[in-house]
Amino acid sequence: MTQQQINQVLIVGGGTAGWLTAAKLAKHLNCQGTNSVQVTLVESPDIPTIGVGEGTWPTMRKTLAELGIAEADFINHCNASLKQGTKFVNWKEAPQQGISHHYYHLFSSVSDAAEFNLAPYWQLGDKSCSYAQAISAQYQLCELGLAPKNMLNKPFEGMQNYAYHLDAGKFAGLLKQFAIAKLGVKFVSANVTAVHLDPQGYIASVDIDHGDSLHADLFVDCSGFRSLLLGDALKVPFKNIQDVLLTDHAVAIQVPYDDPQQNIASYTTSTAQEAGWIWDIGLSNRRGTGYVYCAKYVDHATAEQTLRDYIGPAAEGLAARLIPMNCGYREQFWSKNCVAIGLSAAFVEPLEASAIFLIEASANMLCELFPRQRSLLPYVEQKFNQSFNFRWNKTIDFIKMHYFLSQRTEPFWLANKALVTVPESLLTVLAQWQYHPVSKYDFSHVFEPFPQESYQYVLHGMGFDQQLSYNASSFNQQTQADQYFEKTQKMSQYLVDKLPTNRALLNNVEQYPFQSV
């Protein structure tokens, strides 16, 4: 292979994956500078994006800040609200006699579990309050509908860790506008009609329906489930994982608020159902709801009615959208001079809102290891594939754990507990954790998508049977643990007195862009 520079990047497909990748690349590579890489994005004017991914992780704050998008502008444009975690309702067991169970997976804890792990002390204690309530002030904030920050906090900073709920379509639109106007990304509105390979099997160009061809040195496939470049042109196989994650459809309904001042939960609600679960996300102007289910255990009409019953009278007359889900991932995410990001690379069900985070992570790694010389492509391909094979499999394990730990007895839930559906990697760590606390040494990879705290929130929220009493003498820092538990309660009360509701904070953002940069 001759020594050639990579000066032209072509991203095929828009949406959140395409435009977020374009913006990150253009910012990192200084596309408006001299001797820089040119980033071009071609997007079909005819194919709508999926556009239902409305949950993010706290990493989004850093992403927006690094791009130079003001937090207030983002919130106003995307009808965003602030998110402090997820509330899981009826996952442990089905409601009995009208009484439901819930637990939280939160973003902030009073102690870094890698430095001082409170979990065994809570496990061996009286458990007079839930695990989340014992270790995080965010439990109380979520229960009271409070925001994680107030008007005095600086941009992207809060009194507790937070992410966002957002309108994915509007977010893609904001990124598009910003990338073109501020970062120098070139935009072509067209349909890709053909992909051409060079004699070595690398992508050389794509044809578009305007009659032109677009040439580039590096291609980014953001074409969604179609995977026009990595899948169709380069023939990278797709590995289906629906034998592990059994859900295969979603039905979604957007619900306007009856009262524009209706309270907004600062968490995603995930409510288990007979054959799956319902998401409920509050934006500033509406709720986004959807039922994720397995069609083997419930038909589409019944699934839609289940969602409408959950919403109540407000669902009358609202349109429902059926979304087939093909869970799985490409056997390679990078092949030759093409990298896939977003749905063209992989898709897992939206239980832990990992989709946008993994887009961020993919774009970050592409930026950091960007191969300006073509001779570097094999090295970056290997590193990228190793990293994202690890990340996607860890994500699959974490999502599967929610189902496997459930005590529900409907056929769908029992099928999820069948050992043939559970990755051996998950069974191994659960066997270890039955007799030993989750440890920082269980998370040795720098790119673990879910940290130690996340596993502990789910394990203890689901009532995982952890037997530690035989080794209780080794947990001999009870005084320090009690101090942390007491600190949680004091911090909870302090924050309750200082923080506005999510709605009140958003009203102030709309009236005065207090954090523009």
Protein backbone atom coordinates (compact mmCIF):
# COMPACT_ATOMS: atom_id res chain seq x y z
CA MET A 1 0.00 0.00 0.00
CA THR A 2 1.45 3.36 -1.00
CA GLN A 3 1.80 6.06 1.61
CA GLN A 4 -1.25 8.24 1.22
CA GLN A 5 -2.79 10.88 3.43
CA ILE A 6 -6.39 10.75 4.55
CA ASN A 7 -7.72 14.20 3.76
CA GLN A 8 -11.36 13.55 2.91
CA VAL A 9 -13.95 11.94 5.19
CA LEU A 10 -17.42 11.10 3.92
CA ILE A 11 -20.18 10.29 6.40
CA VAL A 12 -23.14 8.48 4.83
CA GLY A 13 -26.29 9.13 6.83
CA GLY A 14 -27.41 11.84 9.23
CA GLY A 15 -29.48 11.54 12.37
CA THR A 16 -27.85 11.68 15.77
CA ALA A 17 -25.07 9.26 14.79
CA GLY A 18 -24.10 11.06 11.59
CA TRP A 19 -24.27 14.63 12.79
CA LEU A 20 -22.69 14.00 16.19
CA THR A 21 -19.81 12.17 14.50
CA ALA A 22 -19.46 14.95 11.92
CA ALA A 23 -19.38 17.64 14.60
CA LYS A 24 -16.85 15.81 16.77
CA LEU A 25 -14.57 15.07 13.82
CA ALA A 26 -14.73 18.61 12.47
CA LYS A 27 -14.01 20.08 15.89
CA HIS A 28 -11.17 17.68 16.69
CA LEU A 29 -9.53 17.89 13.27
CA ASN A 30 -9.99 21.66 12.98
CA CYS A 31 -11.66 21.36 9.59
CA GLN A 32 -11.56 25.11 9.03
CA GLY A 33 -7.79 25.24 9.48
CA THR A 34 -5.09 24.99 6.85
CA ASN A 35 -3.98 21.56 5.62
CA SER A 36 -6.91 20.03 7.50
CA VAL A 37 -9.26 17.14 6.85
CA GLN A 38 -12.54 17.94 5.10
CA VAL A 39 -15.62 16.28 6.59
CA THR A 40 -18.62 15.87 4.28
CA LEU A 41 -21.97 14.34 5.20
CA VAL A 42 -24.49 13.03 2.70
CA GLU A 43 -28.01 12.54 4.04
CA SER A 44 -31.13 11.29 2.28
CA PRO A 45 -33.99 13.80 2.11
CA ASP A 46 -36.43 10.88 1.81
CA ILE A 47 -35.54 8.46 4.60
CA PRO A 48 -36.67 9.44 8.11
CA THR A 49 -34.42 8.73 11.09
CA ILE A 50 -35.54 6.38 13.85
CA GLY A 51 -35.60 9.36 16.21
CA VAL A 52 -36.89 7.75 19.41
CA GLY A 53 -33.65 7.63 21.42
CA GLU A 54 -34.42 10.27 24.04
CA GLY A 55 -32.13 9.29 26.92
CA THR A 56 -28.48 10.21 27.39
CA TRP A 57 -25.70 9.63 29.90
CA PRO A 58 -23.79 12.34 31.82
CA THR A 59 -21.07 12.16 29.14
CA MET A 60 -23.33 14.29 26.94
CA ARG A 61 -22.51 17.36 29.04
CA LYS A 62 -18.82 17.04 28.16
CA THR A 63 -19.68 16.43 24.52
CA LEU A 64 -21.78 19.60 24.26
CA ALA A 65 -19.22 21.69 26.14
CA GLU A 66 -16.33 20.52 23.95
CA LEU A 67 -18.30 21.25 20.78
CA GLY A 68 -19.13 24.74 22.05
CA ILE A 69 -22.92 24.35 22.19
CA ALA A 70 -24.38 26.36 25.08
CA GLU A 71 -26.35 24.29 27.57
CA ALA A 72 -29.31 26.69 27.55
CA ASP A 73 -29.42 26.74 23.74
CA PHE A 74 -29.36 22.95 23.68
CA ILE A 75 -32.15 22.68 26.29
CA ASN A 76 -34.34 25.21 24.54
CA HIS A 77 -33.83 23.82 21.04
CA CYS A 78 -34.26 20.14 21.93
CA ASN A 79 -37.11 20.48 24.49
CA ALA A 80 -34.66 18.83 26.85
CA SER A 81 -35.07 18.07 30.54
CA LEU A 82 -32.56 16.94 33.16
CA LYS A 83 -32.12 13.27 33.99
CA GLN A 84 -30.66 11.82 37.19
CA GLY A 85 -31.12 8.11 36.52
CA THR A 86 -33.76 5.46 35.87
CA LYS A 87 -36.60 4.25 38.07
CA PHE A 88 -37.35 0.56 37.53
CA VAL A 89 -40.92 -0.34 38.45
CA ASN A 90 -42.14 -3.93 38.91
CA TRP A 91 -38.93 -5.47 37.56
CA LYS A 92 -38.19 -7.48 40.67
CA GLU A 93 -41.67 -8.98 40.75
CA ALA A 94 -45.14 -8.39 39.37
CA PRO A 95 -47.36 -6.08 41.46
CA GLN A 96 -49.33 -7.95 44.08
CA GLN A 97 -52.66 -6.70 45.43
CA GLY A 98 -52.02 -3.32 43.86
CA ILE A 99 -48.63 -2.91 45.55
CA SER A 100 -45.70 -2.32 43.22
CA HIS A 101 -41.94 -2.48 43.77
CA HIS A 102 -39.37 -0.06 42.45
CA TYR A 103 -35.67 0.75 42.64
CA TYR A 104 -33.37 3.40 41.16
CA HIS A 105 -30.22 3.31 39.06
CA LEU A 106 -28.78 6.76 39.81
CA PHE A 107 -25.86 8.86 38.59
CA SER A 108 -24.47 10.06 41.95
CA SER A 109 -23.40 8.21 45.08
CA VAL A 110 -22.10 9.60 48.35
CA SER A 111 -18.98 7.45 48.04
CA ASP A 112 -16.96 6.27 45.07
CA ALA A 113 -17.42 2.50 45.28
CA ALA A 114 -13.88 1.93 44.02
CA GLU A 115 -12.52 3.89 47.02
CA PHE A 116 -14.97 2.82 49.74
CA ASN A 117 -17.63 0.29 48.88
CA LEU A 118 -20.75 0.82 50.98
CA ALA A 119 -22.64 -2.11 49.47
CA PRO A 120 -21.53 -4.86 51.90
CA TYR A 121 -22.24 -2.66 54.92
CA TRP A 122 -25.75 -1.97 53.63
CA GLN A 123 -26.18 -5.67 52.81
CA LEU A 124 -25.19 -6.75 56.32
CA GLY A 125 -27.11 -3.94 58.03
CA ASP A 126 -30.78 -3.56 58.91
CA LYS A 127 -31.78 -2.43 55.38
CA SER A 128 -34.31 -0.02 56.85
CA CYS A 129 -34.09 1.91 53.60
CA SER A 130 -33.36 0.86 50.04
CA TYR A 131 -29.83 0.65 48.73
CA ALA A 132 -30.26 3.74 46.53
CA GLN A 133 -31.77 5.70 49.41
CA ALA A 134 -28.88 4.73 51.67
CA ILE A 135 -26.04 5.79 49.37
CA SER A 136 -27.36 8.61 47.16
CA ALA A 137 -29.10 11.92 47.78
CA GLN A 138 -30.52 11.61 44.27
CA TYR A 139 -33.06 9.11 45.54
CA GLN A 140 -34.83 11.87 47.47
CA LEU A 141 -34.45 14.39 44.65
CA CYS A 142 -36.06 12.00 42.19
CA GLU A 143 -38.90 11.16 44.56
CA LEU A 144 -39.66 14.87 44.98
CA GLY A 145 -39.28 15.79 41.30
CA LEU A 146 -36.32 18.09 41.96
CA ALA A 147 -33.61 19.08 39.49
CA PRO A 148 -29.91 18.27 40.02
CA LYS A 149 -28.88 21.93 39.66
CA ASN A 150 -30.17 25.46 40.19
CA MET A 151 -29.87 28.77 38.39
CA LEU A 152 -26.61 29.60 40.17
CA ASN A 153 -24.71 26.60 38.82
CA LYS A 154 -22.32 27.12 35.93
CA PRO A 155 -22.94 25.63 32.48
CA PHE A 156 -22.87 21.82 32.54
CA GLU A 157 -22.26 21.76 36.30
CA GLY A 158 -24.72 20.65 38.95
CA MET A 159 -25.08 19.84 42.61
CA GLN A 160 -25.53 16.21 41.53
CA ASN A 161 -24.44 14.35 38.41
CA TYR A 162 -26.94 14.49 35.54
CA ALA A 163 -27.69 13.78 31.90
CA TYR A 164 -30.56 14.82 29.63
CA HIS A 165 -33.79 13.65 28.10
CA LEU A 166 -34.10 15.15 24.63
CA ASP A 167 -36.04 15.17 21.37
CA ALA A 168 -33.70 13.10 19.18
CA GLY A 169 -34.96 14.59 15.93
CA LYS A 170 -34.44 18.14 17.14
CA PHE A 171 -31.04 17.22 18.56
CA ALA A 172 -29.91 15.95 15.16
CA GLY A 173 -31.20 19.20 13.65
CA LEU A 174 -29.26 21.31 16.14
CA LEU A 175 -26.07 19.33 15.50
CA LYS A 176 -26.57 19.69 11.74
CA GLN A 177 -27.03 23.44 11.94
CA PHE A 178 -24.04 23.84 14.26
CA ALA A 179 -21.72 21.53 12.31
CA ILE A 180 -22.35 23.30 9.02
CA ALA A 181 -22.36 26.90 10.28
CA LYS A 182 -19.67 26.73 12.96
CA LEU A 183 -17.42 23.77 12.22
CA GLY A 184 -17.07 23.68 8.45
CA VAL A 185 -18.83 20.40 7.70
CA LYS A 186 -20.00 20.16 4.08
CA PHE A 187 -23.55 18.86 3.55
CA VAL A 188 -24.99 17.04 0.56
CA SER A 189 -28.70 16.25 0.46
CA ALA A 190 -29.02 13.14 -1.71
CA ASN A 191 -29.68 9.41 -1.78
CA VAL A 192 -26.73 7.07 -2.16
CA THR A 193 -27.43 4.79 -5.11
CA ALA A 194 -24.20 2.77 -5.40
CA VAL A 195 -20.94 2.09 -3.56
CA HIS A 196 -17.71 1.49 -5.48
CA LEU A 197 -14.67 -0.44 -4.22
CA ASP A 198 -11.08 -0.12 -5.41
CA PRO A 199 -9.02 -3.18 -6.48
CA GLN A 200 -7.89 -3.74 -2.86
CA GLY A 201 -11.49 -3.88 -1.65
CA TYR A 202 -11.47 -0.45 -0.02
CA ILE A 203 -14.36 1.95 -0.60
CA ALA A 204 -13.41 4.48 -3.27
CA SER A 205 -16.61 6.43 -3.85
CA VAL A 206 -20.40 6.47 -3.67
CA ASP A 207 -22.87 7.50 -6.35
CA ILE A 208 -25.77 9.78 -5.48
CA ASP A 209 -29.07 10.31 -7.24
CA HIS A 210 -28.02 13.76 -8.49
CA GLY A 211 -25.85 11.91 -10.97
CA ASP A 212 -22.62 12.72 -9.16
CA SER A 213 -20.03 10.62 -7.34
CA LEU A 214 -18.57 11.47 -3.95
CA HIS A 215 -14.96 10.39 -3.34
CA ALA A 216 -13.22 10.16 0.02
CA ASP A 217 -10.30 8.53 1.80
CA LEU A 218 -12.23 7.40 4.88
CA PHE A 219 -15.93 6.55 5.08
CA VAL A 220 -18.21 6.56 8.12
CA ASP A 221 -21.35 4.44 7.84
CA CYS A 222 -24.22 6.11 9.70
CA SER A 223 -26.90 4.74 7.39
CA GLY A 224 -28.85 3.05 10.16
CA PHE A 225 -30.14 -0.50 10.02
CA ARG A 226 -29.48 -0.58 6.25
CA SER A 227 -25.70 -0.44 6.84
CA LEU A 228 -25.08 0.53 3.22
CA LEU A 229 -21.31 0.61 3.49
CA LEU A 230 -20.13 -1.85 6.13
CA GLY A 231 -22.92 -4.38 5.63
CA ASP A 232 -23.97 -4.15 2.00
CA ALA A 233 -20.76 -3.06 0.29
CA LEU A 234 -18.06 -4.62 2.49
CA LYS A 235 -20.17 -7.68 3.41
CA VAL A 236 -19.36 -7.61 7.14
CA PRO A 237 -21.76 -10.14 8.70
CA PHE A 238 -24.38 -9.19 11.30
CA LYS A 239 -24.50 -11.22 14.51
CA ASN A 240 -28.05 -11.51 15.80
CA ILE A 241 -28.37 -11.63 19.60
CA GLN A 242 -32.11 -12.16 19.96
CA ASP A 243 -31.38 -15.50 21.58
CA VAL A 244 -30.03 -13.39 24.49
CA LEU A 245 -32.08 -10.19 24.40
CA LEU A 246 -35.52 -11.49 23.49
CA THR A 247 -37.37 -8.26 22.75
CA ASP A 248 -37.88 -7.62 19.04
CA HIS A 249 -40.40 -4.76 18.70
CA ALA A 250 -41.40 -1.47 20.23
CA VAL A 251 -44.53 0.62 19.89
CA ALA A 252 -44.13 4.32 20.69
CA ILE A 253 -46.57 7.13 21.42
CA GLN A 254 -45.75 10.80 22.07
CA VAL A 255 -48.04 12.29 24.69
CA PRO A 256 -48.59 16.09 24.90
CA TYR A 257 -49.04 17.58 28.35
CA ASP A 258 -52.59 18.58 29.29
CA ASP A 259 -51.07 21.27 31.47
CA PRO A 260 -47.96 23.03 30.06
CA GLN A 261 -46.73 23.41 33.65
CA GLN A 262 -47.06 19.72 34.45
CA ASN A 263 -44.32 18.35 36.68
CA ILE A 264 -41.44 16.59 34.91
CA ALA A 265 -39.74 13.59 36.47
CA SER A 266 -35.95 13.95 36.54
CA TYR A 267 -35.52 10.26 35.69
CA THR A 268 -36.59 7.75 33.07
CA THR A 269 -39.34 5.44 34.26
CA SER A 270 -39.06 1.82 33.12
CA THR A 271 -42.12 -0.23 34.07
CA ALA A 272 -42.04 -3.99 33.54
CA GLN A 273 -45.00 -5.57 31.72
CA GLU A 274 -46.08 -9.11 30.94
CA ALA A 275 -43.91 -9.38 27.82
CA GLY A 276 -41.42 -6.53 28.15
CA TRP A 277 -41.32 -3.04 29.61
CA ILE A 278 -42.60 0.52 29.04
CA TRP A 279 -40.38 3.59 28.92
CA ASP A 280 -41.75 6.95 30.07
CA ILE A 281 -39.62 10.05 29.50
CA GLY A 282 -40.64 13.60 30.32
CA LEU A 283 -39.43 16.38 28.01
CA SER A 284 -40.28 20.03 28.52
CA ASN A 285 -43.20 19.90 26.08
CA ARG A 286 -44.37 16.25 26.09
CA ARG A 287 -43.81 12.71 27.28
CA GLY A 288 -42.17 10.07 25.17
CA THR A 289 -43.55 6.61 25.89
CA GLY A 290 -43.06 3.19 24.35
CA TYR A 291 -43.53 -0.50 25.01
CA VAL A 292 -40.53 -2.73 24.24
CA TYR A 293 -41.70 -6.33 23.87
CA CYS A 294 -41.24 -9.75 22.31
CA ALA A 295 -43.83 -10.56 19.66
CA LYS A 296 -43.60 -14.25 20.54
CA TYR A 297 -45.34 -13.51 23.82
CA VAL A 298 -47.74 -10.68 22.90
CA ASP A 299 -49.24 -9.62 19.56
CA HIS A 300 -48.79 -6.09 18.23
CA ALA A 301 -52.38 -5.00 18.83
CA THR A 302 -52.31 -6.14 22.45
CA ALA A 303 -48.93 -4.46 22.95
CA GLU A 304 -50.28 -1.17 21.64
CA GLN A 305 -53.34 -1.45 23.87
CA THR A 306 -51.10 -2.18 26.86
CA LEU A 307 -49.24 1.06 26.18
CA ARG A 308 -52.49 3.01 25.76
CA ASP A 309 -53.82 1.58 29.02
CA TYR A 310 -50.60 2.66 30.74
CA ILE A 311 -50.95 6.21 29.39
CA GLY A 312 -54.63 6.42 30.25
CA PRO A 313 -57.27 8.73 28.73
CA ALA A 314 -54.57 11.01 27.31
CA ALA A 315 -53.75 8.29 24.76
CA GLU A 316 -57.09 8.65 22.97
CA GLY A 317 -56.57 9.75 19.39
CA LEU A 318 -52.78 9.71 19.56
CA ALA A 319 -50.85 7.96 16.80
CA ALA A 320 -48.75 4.91 17.63
CA ARG A 321 -45.58 3.96 15.77
CA LEU A 322 -44.50 0.32 15.45
CA ILE A 323 -40.72 -0.15 15.41
CA PRO A 324 -39.19 -3.56 14.54
CA MET A 325 -35.95 -4.14 16.48
CA ASN A 326 -33.15 -6.31 15.15
CA CYS A 327 -30.83 -6.67 18.13
CA GLY A 328 -27.24 -7.53 17.32
CA TYR A 329 -23.95 -6.16 16.04
CA ARG A 330 -21.59 -6.35 13.10
CA GLU A 331 -18.76 -8.86 13.49
CA GLN A 332 -16.47 -5.93 12.70
CA PHE A 333 -17.23 -2.28 13.34
CA TRP A 334 -14.32 -1.08 11.26
CA SER A 335 -13.28 -2.73 8.00
CA LYS A 336 -10.57 -1.38 5.68
CA ASN A 337 -11.37 2.36 5.29
CA CYS A 338 -14.91 2.25 6.69
CA VAL A 339 -16.14 2.54 10.27
CA ALA A 340 -19.79 2.10 11.26
CA ILE A 341 -21.30 4.23 14.02
CA GLY A 342 -24.82 4.02 15.39
CA LEU A 343 -27.44 1.58 14.15
CA SER A 344 -25.27 0.55 11.20
CA ALA A 345 -22.80 -0.91 13.71
CA ALA A 346 -25.07 -2.42 16.35
CA PHE A 347 -28.36 -2.15 18.16
CA VAL A 348 -29.44 -3.33 21.58
CA GLU A 349 -32.76 -2.58 23.13
CA PRO A 350 -33.01 0.86 24.82
CA LEU A 351 -33.31 -0.32 28.44
CA GLU A 352 -30.28 1.59 29.76
CA ALA A 353 -30.19 4.35 27.11
CA SER A 354 -26.82 3.18 25.82
CA ALA A 355 -27.36 4.08 22.13
CA ILE A 356 -26.33 7.74 22.14
CA PHE A 357 -23.54 7.06 24.65
CA LEU A 358 -22.01 4.44 22.35
CA ILE A 359 -22.26 6.89 19.44
CA GLU A 360 -20.33 9.39 21.55
CA ALA A 361 -17.77 6.73 22.48
CA SER A 362 -17.32 5.64 18.86
CA ALA A 363 -16.84 9.20 17.63
CA ASN A 364 -14.40 9.90 20.48
CA MET A 365 -12.23 6.92 19.58
CA LEU A 366 -12.35 7.79 15.88
CA CYS A 367 -11.18 11.31 16.71
CA GLU A 368 -8.44 10.19 19.08
CA LEU A 369 -6.99 7.54 16.74
CA PHE A 370 -7.82 9.27 13.46
CA PRO A 371 -5.46 7.69 10.89
CA ARG A 372 -4.14 10.63 8.90
CA GLN A 373 -1.93 8.20 6.98
CA ARG A 374 -3.63 5.36 5.11
CA SER A 375 -0.89 3.00 6.26
CA LEU A 376 -2.25 3.33 9.81
CA LEU A 377 -5.68 1.98 8.91
CA PRO A 378 -5.00 -1.69 9.85
CA TYR A 379 -3.78 -0.71 13.34
CA VAL A 380 -6.76 1.56 14.04
CA GLU A 381 -9.15 -1.05 12.63
CA GLN A 382 -7.79 -3.66 15.04
CA LYS A 383 -7.91 -1.37 18.08
CA PHE A 384 -11.40 -0.09 17.28
CA ASN A 385 -12.81 -3.57 16.75
CA GLN A 386 -11.28 -4.90 19.96
CA SER A 387 -12.62 -1.98 21.96
CA PHE A 388 -16.17 -2.05 20.66
CA ASN A 389 -16.49 -5.80 20.68
CA PHE A 390 -15.74 -5.51 24.39
CA ARG A 391 -18.10 -2.56 24.94
CA TRP A 392 -21.07 -4.04 23.12
CA ASN A 393 -20.76 -7.42 24.84
CA LYS A 394 -20.53 -5.73 28.24
CA THR A 395 -23.63 -3.69 27.39
CA ILE A 396 -25.49 -6.85 26.39
CA ASP A 397 -24.50 -8.55 29.66
CA PHE A 398 -25.65 -5.59 31.74
CA ILE A 399 -29.02 -5.34 30.04
CA LYS A 400 -29.54 -9.11 30.24
CA MET A 401 -28.83 -9.00 33.98
CA HIS A 402 -32.00 -6.95 34.58
CA TYR A 403 -34.11 -9.72 33.06
CA PHE A 404 -32.23 -12.65 34.54
CA LEU A 405 -32.53 -11.38 38.12
CA SER A 406 -36.29 -10.84 37.90
CA GLN A 407 -38.62 -13.01 39.94
CA ARG A 408 -41.57 -12.49 37.58
CA THR A 409 -43.21 -15.70 36.41
CA GLU A 410 -44.87 -14.82 33.08
CA PRO A 411 -43.59 -16.91 30.10
CA PHE A 412 -41.51 -14.02 28.69
CA TRP A 413 -39.69 -13.55 31.97
CA LEU A 414 -39.15 -17.26 32.53
CA ALA A 415 -37.69 -17.52 29.02
CA ASN A 416 -35.23 -14.77 29.96
CA LYS A 417 -34.10 -16.81 32.95
CA ALA A 418 -33.41 -19.94 30.91
CA LEU A 419 -29.66 -20.52 31.15
CA VAL A 420 -29.37 -21.10 27.42
CA THR A 421 -30.17 -17.38 26.92
CA VAL A 422 -27.62 -16.06 29.44
CA PRO A 423 -24.03 -15.26 28.40
CA GLU A 424 -21.46 -17.31 30.28
CA SER A 425 -19.61 -14.10 31.12
CA LEU A 426 -22.65 -12.86 33.07
CA LEU A 427 -23.18 -16.17 34.87
CA THR A 428 -19.53 -16.16 35.94
CA VAL A 429 -19.62 -12.76 37.64
CA LEU A 430 -23.00 -13.42 39.26
CA ALA A 431 -21.60 -16.63 40.75
CA GLN A 432 -18.69 -14.64 42.15
CA TRP A 433 -20.93 -11.87 43.48
CA GLN A 434 -23.19 -14.31 45.30
CA TYR A 435 -20.46 -14.73 47.91
CA HIS A 436 -18.34 -11.63 47.43
CA PRO A 437 -19.15 -7.92 47.02
CA VAL A 438 -18.79 -6.37 43.60
CA SER A 439 -15.20 -5.16 43.44
CA LYS A 440 -13.25 -2.60 41.46
CA TYR A 441 -11.09 -5.52 40.33
CA ASP A 442 -14.08 -6.86 38.41
CA PHE A 443 -13.75 -3.81 36.15
CA SER A 444 -10.20 -3.80 34.88
CA HIS A 445 -10.88 -2.35 31.41
CA VAL A 446 -10.64 1.41 31.02
CA PHE A 447 -13.65 1.44 28.67
CA GLU A 448 -16.18 -0.39 30.83
CA PRO A 449 -19.52 1.09 29.69
CA PHE A 450 -21.16 0.47 33.08
CA PRO A 451 -19.13 1.07 36.25
CA GLN A 452 -19.19 -0.78 39.54
CA GLU A 453 -21.88 1.49 40.97
CA SER A 454 -24.28 0.68 38.11
CA TYR A 455 -24.09 -3.05 38.77
CA GLN A 456 -24.65 -2.50 42.49
CA TYR A 457 -27.73 -0.35 41.95
CA VAL A 458 -29.31 -3.10 39.85
CA LEU A 459 -28.16 -6.08 41.92
CA HIS A 460 -29.34 -4.66 45.23
CA GLY A 461 -32.42 -3.05 43.73
CA MET A 462 -33.48 -6.44 42.36
CA GLY A 463 -32.84 -8.20 45.67
CA PHE A 464 -29.90 -10.27 44.47
CA ASP A 465 -29.23 -13.04 46.99
CA GLN A 466 -25.78 -12.10 48.24
CA GLN A 467 -24.45 -14.16 51.14
CA LEU A 468 -21.78 -12.23 53.02
CA SER A 469 -22.43 -13.05 56.68
CA TYR A 470 -19.81 -15.83 56.74
CA ASN A 471 -17.19 -13.17 55.92
CA ALA A 472 -18.65 -10.29 57.94
CA SER A 473 -15.50 -9.84 60.01
CA SER A 474 -13.62 -8.58 56.96
CA PHE A 475 -15.96 -5.60 56.67
CA ASN A 476 -14.46 -3.90 59.68
CA GLN A 477 -14.86 -0.21 58.82
CA GLN A 478 -18.40 0.14 60.11
CA THR A 479 -17.75 3.55 61.69
CA GLN A 480 -16.64 5.02 58.37
CA ALA A 481 -19.57 3.38 56.60
CA ASP A 482 -22.00 4.86 59.11
CA GLN A 483 -20.51 8.27 58.50
CA TYR A 484 -21.17 7.92 54.78
CA PHE A 485 -24.76 6.76 55.40
CA GLU A 486 -25.31 9.75 57.68
CA LYS A 487 -23.74 12.05 55.09
CA THR A 488 -26.25 10.80 52.50
CA GLN A 489 -29.17 11.77 54.70
CA LYS A 490 -27.73 15.20 55.53
CA MET A 491 -26.94 15.88 51.90
CA SER A 492 -30.45 14.84 50.91
CA GLN A 493 -32.00 17.36 53.25
CA TYR A 494 -29.58 20.10 52.22
CA LEU A 495 -30.30 19.61 48.51
CA VAL A 496 -34.06 19.41 49.03
CA ASP A 497 -33.89 22.92 50.49
CA LYS A 498 -31.67 24.29 47.69
CA LEU A 499 -32.98 22.81 44.45
CA PRO A 500 -35.97 23.76 42.28
CA THR A 501 -38.25 21.31 40.54
CA ASN A 502 -37.25 20.13 37.10
CA ARG A 503 -40.14 22.16 35.63
CA ALA A 504 -39.22 25.34 37.52
CA LEU A 505 -35.62 25.14 36.34
CA LEU A 506 -36.65 24.58 32.72
CA ASN A 507 -39.06 27.51 32.88
CA ASN A 508 -36.17 29.76 33.87
CA VAL A 509 -33.99 28.39 31.07
CA GLU A 510 -36.72 29.17 28.55
CA GLN A 511 -37.23 32.69 29.85
CA TYR A 512 -33.57 33.60 30.14
CA PRO A 513 -30.67 31.68 28.54
CA PHE A 514 -28.63 31.95 31.71
CA GLN A 515 -25.81 29.72 30.64
CA SER A 516 -24.97 30.68 27.08
CA VAL A 517 -21.31 30.45 26.14
